[in-house]
Amino acid sequence: MSRTRIQHWTADAIPDLSGRVHVVTGATGGLGLATTRALARRGGRVVLAVRDEEKGRQAVAALTAEGIDGDLLTVRRIDLADLDSVRAFAEDLRADHPRLDVLLNNAGVMGPPRTLSAQGHELQFAANHLGHFALTGLLLDRLPAGGRVVTVSSLVHRQGRLRLDDPAALAGERGYAPMAFYNQSKLANAVFGRELHRRLTAAGSQVRSVLAHPGYTATSLQTRDATGLARFFYGRIGNPLVAQRPERGVLPQLYAATAPDAAGGDFIGPDGLGELRGVPARVKPSAAAADPETGRRLWDLSEELTGVRYGLTAS
């Protein structure tokens, strides 16, 4: 896997973020909470976009107990697996914020038994991809020149396969395997981020679409939703022995969201062996993630399934 090293970068390099507004999905724990903490410590305003408002309030209380200014933090409910909830969140946010500087598409579910979303889509594809696709489209005009959409993918996007020609398979009606469908959703994240970059560039927009992945980072994601062997592996073997802590795993997405030289189209991940651990580096997505035809097809399908149209055309 090809990667380009960035000068050793830590959260201490985040510039002053005073006056900047960030939306972080999945902000109650793991990478989302670590992202929120780092942004607010540098003066950034953060909208914690969360499914469970009580957990969101608990997260804010924990951060304020650490000395972070609670006035910088706002909790808003969103269920990314429910497109009606996504629309309601976006409508309320637009009413209160004429400008957003960074949308950080971080939330996800991983490895549950086959479940359908409110609109009848396979849950992981719905929450991890379709919800973020819709949210980005509904908020894109609030991002100024230099604003950023950061989409968090995963190492396992390289193992994913998008079943774009088979709606029944895409919905998990045949051959559902929890982790294979997680891999599919993370490939969709990577394809989306690259296709959004292409379309923004073709439109002459100065909004940046940047991708990131955290390597192997221990969070509740691996054990909250996963079942069976996957839950055992992550909980008893992988997380304790191999994974890095969220404070390290979050660095690629923080770099993508705040570093002045993070460019549209970049994919930021750890620089270590196998991209499992390390400091941020520019890494290479899979061939499928970078393929413009796959990007066009996923984009068209996502507009059809969500009803959200960006008005951006393929180059």
Protein backbone atom coordinates (compact mmCIF):
# COMPACT_ATOMS: atom_id res chain seq x y z
CA MET A 1 0.00 0.00 0.00
CA SER A 2 1.45 3.31 -1.11
CA ARG A 3 1.64 6.16 1.36
CA THR A 4 3.23 9.59 1.52
CA ARG A 5 4.57 10.67 4.88
CA ILE A 6 3.49 13.93 6.43
CA GLN A 7 5.84 15.69 8.81
CA HIS A 8 5.13 14.14 12.22
CA TRP A 9 1.75 15.61 13.15
CA THR A 10 -0.14 15.61 16.43
CA ALA A 11 -3.25 17.32 17.75
CA ASP A 12 -1.00 20.05 19.17
CA ALA A 13 -0.63 21.29 15.58
CA ILE A 14 -4.35 22.07 15.22
CA PRO A 15 -4.64 25.82 14.59
CA ASP A 16 -6.90 28.17 16.53
CA LEU A 17 -10.47 27.28 15.58
CA SER A 18 -12.29 30.18 17.25
CA GLY A 19 -15.44 31.12 15.36
CA ARG A 20 -15.45 27.94 13.26
CA VAL A 21 -18.44 25.58 13.35
CA HIS A 22 -18.02 21.81 13.09
CA VAL A 23 -20.63 19.07 12.84
CA VAL A 24 -19.42 15.69 14.13
CA THR A 25 -21.67 12.66 13.70
CA GLY A 26 -21.38 9.91 16.29
CA ALA A 27 -19.84 12.25 18.85
CA THR A 28 -20.74 10.42 22.08
CA GLY A 29 -17.80 8.02 22.17
CA GLY A 30 -14.69 6.67 20.48
CA LEU A 31 -13.37 8.65 17.55
CA GLY A 32 -16.29 11.08 17.54
CA LEU A 33 -15.81 12.08 21.16
CA ALA A 34 -12.04 12.34 20.68
CA THR A 35 -12.64 14.55 17.63
CA THR A 36 -15.05 16.78 19.56
CA ARG A 37 -12.61 17.14 22.44
CA ALA A 38 -9.70 18.12 20.18
CA LEU A 39 -11.70 20.65 18.17
CA ALA A 40 -13.25 22.31 21.22
CA ARG A 41 -9.88 22.51 22.98
CA ARG A 42 -8.74 24.73 20.14
CA GLY A 43 -11.83 26.95 20.43
CA GLY A 44 -13.95 25.34 17.75
CA ARG A 45 -17.72 25.17 18.09
CA VAL A 46 -18.98 21.60 17.73
CA VAL A 47 -22.46 20.31 17.04
CA LEU A 48 -22.58 16.80 18.46
CA ALA A 49 -24.86 14.99 15.99
CA VAL A 50 -25.96 11.94 17.97
CA ARG A 51 -28.65 9.29 17.98
CA ASP A 52 -29.02 9.30 21.78
CA GLU A 53 -29.42 12.82 23.16
CA GLU A 54 -28.93 11.71 26.76
CA LYS A 55 -25.56 10.20 25.88
CA GLY A 56 -24.80 13.43 24.07
CA ARG A 57 -25.51 15.44 27.21
CA GLN A 58 -23.35 13.05 29.23
CA ALA A 59 -20.52 13.55 26.74
CA VAL A 60 -20.81 17.32 27.08
CA ALA A 61 -20.78 17.02 30.87
CA ALA A 62 -17.64 14.89 30.72
CA LEU A 63 -15.90 17.37 28.42
CA THR A 64 -16.82 20.37 30.55
CA ALA A 65 -15.50 18.52 33.60
CA GLU A 66 -12.18 18.40 31.73
CA GLY A 67 -12.22 22.20 31.48
CA ILE A 68 -13.66 22.56 27.97
CA ASP A 69 -16.05 25.49 27.52
CA GLY A 70 -19.54 24.02 27.41
CA ASP A 71 -20.79 26.99 25.41
CA LEU A 72 -18.84 25.58 22.45
CA LEU A 73 -20.84 22.33 22.48
CA THR A 74 -24.37 21.72 21.21
CA VAL A 75 -26.21 18.39 21.16
CA ARG A 76 -28.57 17.65 18.26
CA ARG A 77 -30.34 14.36 17.58
CA ILE A 78 -29.92 12.51 14.29
CA ASP A 79 -30.55 8.89 13.36
CA LEU A 80 -28.47 8.40 10.24
CA ALA A 81 -30.34 5.18 9.42
CA ASP A 82 -33.60 7.15 9.12
CA LEU A 83 -33.68 9.61 6.25
CA ASP A 84 -36.58 11.49 7.81
CA SER A 85 -34.42 12.12 10.88
CA VAL A 86 -31.53 13.25 8.66
CA ARG A 87 -33.79 15.76 6.92
CA ALA A 88 -35.18 17.07 10.20
CA PHE A 89 -31.66 17.48 11.63
CA ALA A 90 -30.47 19.33 8.53
CA GLU A 91 -33.50 21.63 8.50
CA ASP A 92 -33.02 22.60 12.15
CA LEU A 93 -29.28 23.09 11.72
CA ARG A 94 -29.73 25.27 8.64
CA ALA A 95 -32.13 27.48 10.60
CA ASP A 96 -29.49 28.13 13.26
CA HIS A 97 -26.26 28.14 11.26
CA PRO A 98 -25.91 30.14 8.05
CA ARG A 99 -22.34 28.85 7.86
CA LEU A 100 -20.66 25.52 8.66
CA ASP A 101 -16.92 25.08 8.32
CA VAL A 102 -16.48 21.33 8.64
CA LEU A 103 -18.87 18.39 8.34
CA LEU A 104 -17.22 15.32 9.80
CA ASN A 105 -19.00 12.14 8.71
CA ASN A 106 -17.74 9.89 11.48
CA ALA A 107 -20.63 7.81 12.87
CA GLY A 108 -21.12 4.17 12.03
CA VAL A 109 -22.51 0.80 12.96
CA MET A 110 -20.50 -2.39 12.60
CA GLY A 111 -21.41 -6.02 12.18
CA PRO A 112 -24.98 -6.34 13.53
CA PRO A 113 -27.37 -9.10 12.55
CA ARG A 114 -29.26 -8.24 9.37
CA THR A 115 -31.52 -5.29 10.13
CA LEU A 116 -33.44 -2.93 7.88
CA SER A 117 -33.53 0.85 8.24
CA ALA A 118 -36.70 2.89 8.51
CA GLN A 119 -36.76 3.14 4.70
CA GLY A 120 -36.04 -0.57 4.18
CA HIS A 121 -32.31 -0.45 3.41
CA GLU A 122 -29.69 -2.73 4.96
CA LEU A 123 -28.74 -1.00 8.20
CA GLN A 124 -24.98 -0.64 7.74
CA PHE A 125 -25.29 0.71 4.20
CA ALA A 126 -28.08 3.01 5.39
CA ALA A 127 -26.38 4.44 8.49
CA ASN A 128 -22.77 4.46 7.33
CA HIS A 129 -23.29 5.62 3.75
CA LEU A 130 -26.80 6.73 2.78
CA GLY A 131 -27.36 8.85 5.89
CA HIS A 132 -24.06 10.65 5.43
CA PHE A 133 -24.66 11.07 1.68
CA ALA A 134 -28.01 12.71 2.41
CA LEU A 135 -26.69 14.85 5.26
CA THR A 136 -23.81 16.15 3.15
CA GLY A 137 -26.11 17.04 0.28
CA LEU A 138 -28.53 18.87 2.56
CA LEU A 139 -25.78 20.93 4.21
CA LEU A 140 -23.30 21.42 1.36
CA ASP A 141 -24.44 24.96 0.54
CA ARG A 142 -23.64 26.01 4.11
CA LEU A 143 -19.94 25.27 3.56
CA PRO A 144 -17.90 28.27 2.36
CA ALA A 145 -14.84 28.26 0.15
CA GLY A 146 -12.24 26.33 2.12
CA GLY A 147 -14.92 24.42 4.03
CA ARG A 148 -14.48 20.68 4.32
CA VAL A 149 -16.42 17.45 4.22
CA VAL A 150 -14.40 14.76 5.99
CA THR A 151 -15.69 11.22 5.50
CA VAL A 152 -14.29 8.48 7.73
CA SER A 153 -13.77 5.20 5.93
CA SER A 154 -11.78 2.17 7.11
CA LEU A 155 -8.88 -0.06 6.20
CA VAL A 156 -11.44 -2.75 5.40
CA HIS A 157 -12.83 -0.72 2.51
CA ARG A 158 -10.20 -2.63 0.52
CA GLN A 159 -12.05 -5.85 1.24
CA GLY A 160 -15.46 -4.43 0.34
CA ARG A 161 -17.58 -5.19 -2.69
CA LEU A 162 -20.43 -2.96 -3.80
CA ARG A 163 -23.43 -4.89 -5.08
CA LEU A 164 -24.73 -2.06 -7.24
CA ASP A 165 -26.29 -4.26 -9.91
CA ASP A 166 -28.31 -6.39 -7.51
CA PRO A 167 -30.76 -4.53 -5.22
CA ALA A 168 -31.67 -7.71 -3.33
CA ALA A 169 -28.03 -8.47 -2.59
CA LEU A 170 -27.33 -4.83 -1.67
CA ALA A 171 -30.15 -5.08 0.88
CA GLY A 172 -28.74 -8.32 2.28
CA GLU A 173 -31.67 -10.44 1.16
CA ARG A 174 -29.16 -13.03 -0.06
CA GLY A 175 -25.83 -13.92 1.44
CA TYR A 176 -25.88 -11.50 4.36
CA ALA A 177 -22.66 -11.64 6.37
CA PRO A 178 -22.32 -8.90 9.00
CA MET A 179 -18.67 -7.99 8.44
CA ALA A 180 -18.84 -8.30 4.64
CA PHE A 181 -21.65 -5.76 4.65
CA TYR A 182 -19.67 -3.52 7.00
CA ASN A 183 -16.78 -3.68 4.51
CA GLN A 184 -19.22 -2.78 1.75
CA SER A 185 -20.43 0.27 3.65
CA LYS A 186 -16.89 1.51 4.27
CA LEU A 187 -16.04 1.06 0.59
CA ALA A 188 -19.13 3.16 -0.13
CA ASN A 189 -17.72 5.87 2.17
CA ALA A 190 -14.44 5.89 0.25
CA VAL A 191 -16.14 5.90 -3.16
CA PHE A 192 -18.42 8.74 -2.04
CA GLY A 193 -15.58 10.88 -0.72
CA ARG A 194 -13.62 10.57 -3.94
CA GLU A 195 -16.65 11.13 -6.17
CA LEU A 196 -17.66 14.19 -4.16
CA HIS A 197 -14.15 15.56 -4.70
CA ARG A 198 -14.42 14.99 -8.45
CA ARG A 199 -17.79 16.72 -8.66
CA LEU A 200 -16.77 19.67 -6.50
CA THR A 201 -13.67 20.13 -8.66
CA ALA A 202 -15.71 19.97 -11.87
CA ALA A 203 -18.08 22.61 -10.48
CA GLY A 204 -15.21 24.94 -9.59
CA SER A 205 -16.05 24.71 -5.89
CA GLN A 206 -13.39 25.40 -3.29
CA VAL A 207 -15.05 23.10 -0.74
CA ARG A 208 -12.75 20.17 0.01
CA SER A 209 -13.82 16.53 0.26
CA VAL A 210 -11.21 14.67 2.30
CA LEU A 211 -11.16 11.02 3.35
CA ALA A 212 -9.62 9.53 6.48
CA HIS A 213 -9.35 6.20 8.21
CA PRO A 214 -8.17 5.45 11.78
CA GLY A 215 -6.25 2.24 11.19
CA TYR A 216 -7.02 -0.27 13.89
CA THR A 217 -8.37 1.73 16.80
CA ALA A 218 -10.14 0.29 19.83
CA THR A 219 -13.63 1.74 20.25
CA SER A 220 -16.99 0.43 21.39
CA LEU A 221 -17.97 0.12 17.73
CA GLN A 222 -16.29 -3.28 17.45
CA THR A 223 -18.23 -4.79 20.34
CA ARG A 224 -21.43 -2.73 20.57
CA ASP A 225 -23.01 -4.00 17.36
CA ALA A 226 -20.93 -7.04 16.39
CA THR A 227 -21.98 -10.55 17.32
CA GLY A 228 -20.45 -14.01 17.58
CA LEU A 229 -16.87 -14.56 16.47
CA ALA A 230 -16.35 -10.92 15.49
CA ARG A 231 -17.31 -9.71 18.96
CA PHE A 232 -15.00 -12.32 20.55
CA PHE A 233 -12.05 -11.44 18.31
CA TYR A 234 -12.29 -7.68 18.78
CA GLY A 235 -13.12 -7.80 22.46
CA ARG A 236 -10.68 -10.46 23.62
CA ILE A 237 -7.81 -10.46 21.11
CA GLY A 238 -7.59 -7.64 18.58
CA ASN A 239 -8.47 -4.62 20.69
CA PRO A 240 -6.31 -5.49 23.74
CA LEU A 241 -3.28 -6.68 21.77
CA VAL A 242 -3.13 -4.70 18.51
CA ALA A 243 -5.37 -1.65 18.51
CA GLN A 244 -4.32 1.90 19.28
CA ARG A 245 -6.28 4.20 21.54
CA PRO A 246 -8.84 6.67 20.12
CA GLU A 247 -6.56 9.61 20.96
CA ARG A 248 -4.11 8.21 18.39
CA GLY A 249 -6.59 6.76 15.93
CA VAL A 250 -8.37 10.09 15.62
CA LEU A 251 -5.32 11.92 14.27
CA PRO A 252 -5.96 11.22 10.56
CA GLN A 253 -9.47 12.69 10.65
CA LEU A 254 -8.30 15.64 12.74
CA TYR A 255 -5.57 16.29 10.18
CA ALA A 256 -8.13 16.03 7.38
CA ALA A 257 -10.44 18.47 9.18
CA THR A 258 -7.94 21.10 10.32
CA ALA A 259 -4.51 20.95 8.65
CA PRO A 260 -4.05 23.83 6.19
CA ASP A 261 -2.41 21.53 3.62
CA ALA A 262 -5.07 18.78 3.70
CA ALA A 263 -6.29 18.89 0.11
CA GLY A 264 -9.50 17.80 -1.55
CA GLY A 265 -9.17 14.19 -2.67
CA ASP A 266 -6.61 13.30 0.00
CA PHE A 267 -7.02 10.04 1.90
CA ILE A 268 -5.35 10.31 5.32
CA GLY A 269 -4.49 7.24 7.39
CA PRO A 270 -1.80 6.00 9.80
CA ASP A 271 1.76 5.70 8.49
CA GLY A 272 2.69 2.42 10.22
CA LEU A 273 2.89 -1.15 9.01
CA GLY A 274 -0.27 -2.08 7.15
CA GLU A 275 -1.72 1.34 8.08
CA LEU A 276 -2.82 -0.19 11.38
CA ARG A 277 -1.17 2.39 13.61
CA GLY A 278 0.90 5.53 13.46
CA VAL A 279 0.79 9.24 12.69
CA PRO A 280 -1.09 10.71 9.72
CA ALA A 281 0.08 10.03 6.18
CA ARG A 282 -1.45 10.31 2.73
CA VAL A 283 -2.51 6.81 1.79
CA LYS A 284 -3.88 5.22 -1.35
CA PRO A 285 -7.49 4.02 -1.62
CA SER A 286 -8.39 0.76 -3.28
CA ALA A 287 -8.82 0.64 -7.05
CA ALA A 288 -12.58 0.30 -6.60
CA ALA A 289 -12.71 3.36 -4.34
CA ALA A 290 -10.81 5.45 -6.88
CA ASP A 291 -12.73 4.26 -9.96
CA PRO A 292 -14.77 7.13 -11.49
CA GLU A 293 -17.35 4.79 -13.03
CA THR A 294 -18.01 3.14 -9.67
CA GLY A 295 -18.28 6.62 -8.19
CA ARG A 296 -20.83 7.70 -10.78
CA ARG A 297 -22.95 4.59 -10.33
CA LEU A 298 -22.94 4.78 -6.53
CA TRP A 299 -23.78 8.50 -6.70
CA ASP A 300 -26.74 7.93 -9.00
CA LEU A 301 -28.04 5.09 -6.82
CA SER A 302 -27.58 7.13 -3.64
CA GLU A 303 -29.54 10.05 -5.07
CA GLU A 304 -32.30 7.63 -6.06
CA LEU A 305 -32.43 5.91 -2.64
CA THR A 306 -32.25 9.09 -0.55
CA GLY A 307 -34.10 11.58 -2.77
CA VAL A 308 -31.27 14.07 -2.13
CA ARG A 309 -29.79 15.64 -5.26
CA TYR A 310 -26.74 17.84 -5.07
CA GLY A 311 -26.87 19.58 -8.45
CA LEU A 312 -23.24 18.53 -9.02
CA THR A 313 -22.50 16.66 -12.24
CA ALA A 314 -19.75 14.18 -12.93
CA SER A 315 -16.70 15.53 -14.74
